[in-house]
Protein backbone atom coordinates (compact mmCIF):
# COMPACT_ATOMS: atom_id res chain seq x y z
CA UNK A 1 2.46 -69.53 157.44
CA UNK A 2 2.60 -70.51 153.80
CA UNK A 3 6.38 -70.15 153.91
CA UNK A 4 6.56 -72.29 157.06
CA UNK A 5 4.44 -75.14 155.74
CA UNK A 6 3.61 -75.30 152.08
CA UNK A 7 0.48 -77.39 152.55
CA UNK A 8 -1.21 -74.49 154.39
CA UNK A 9 -1.37 -72.58 151.13
CA UNK A 10 -2.03 -75.43 148.70
CA UNK A 11 -5.57 -74.21 148.01
CA UNK A 12 -4.52 -70.54 147.78
CA UNK A 13 -1.46 -70.31 145.49
CA UNK A 14 -1.42 -66.46 145.54
CA UNK A 15 -0.72 -66.42 149.28
CA UNK A 16 2.90 -67.48 148.89
CA UNK A 17 3.77 -65.21 145.96
CA UNK A 18 3.60 -61.83 147.63
CA UNK A 19 0.73 -60.84 145.33
CA UNK A 20 -2.37 -59.35 146.89
CA UNK A 21 -5.04 -61.93 147.54
CA UNK A 22 -8.19 -59.87 148.09
CA UNK A 23 -10.50 -62.81 148.58
CA UNK A 24 -9.03 -64.02 151.88
CA UNK A 25 -9.57 -61.97 155.04
CA UNK A 26 -7.24 -62.39 158.02
CA UNK A 27 -7.66 -61.72 161.73
CA UNK A 28 -4.73 -61.63 164.15
CA UNK A 29 -5.67 -61.97 167.81
CA UNK A 30 -9.30 -61.24 166.82
CA UNK A 31 -8.47 -57.97 165.01
CA UNK A 32 -8.87 -57.77 161.23
CA UNK A 33 -5.48 -57.46 159.59
CA UNK A 34 -3.74 -58.35 156.35
CA UNK A 35 -1.39 -61.09 155.23
CA UNK A 36 1.70 -58.99 155.96
CA UNK A 37 0.99 -58.76 159.71
CA UNK A 38 3.91 -59.97 161.87
CA UNK A 39 3.22 -63.17 163.79
CA UNK A 40 5.72 -62.73 166.64
CA UNK A 41 3.84 -62.97 169.93
CA UNK A 42 0.51 -63.64 168.23
CA UNK A 43 -1.77 -66.15 169.94
CA UNK A 44 -4.41 -66.61 167.24
CA UNK A 45 -4.58 -66.32 163.46
CA UNK A 46 -7.85 -66.81 161.57
CA UNK A 47 -8.40 -66.98 157.81
CA UNK A 48 -11.79 -66.15 156.33
CA UNK A 49 -12.36 -67.60 152.85
CA UNK A 50 -14.60 -65.81 150.34
CA UNK A 51 -17.71 -67.79 151.26
CA UNK A 52 -17.68 -66.65 154.90
CA UNK A 53 -20.99 -64.97 155.66
CA UNK A 54 -21.80 -62.21 158.06
């Protein structure tokens, strides 16, 4: 998504560099994943910033 629209990653510069960004968690179609997950056919993407509680 960062490559598609730069403003998505403005607050997280490491997302667009290919470097690991361990602070952000990602879910794809409600399953935890990582930033390298393919988006073809995906219906939902969620990003969890470091302050997300549980």
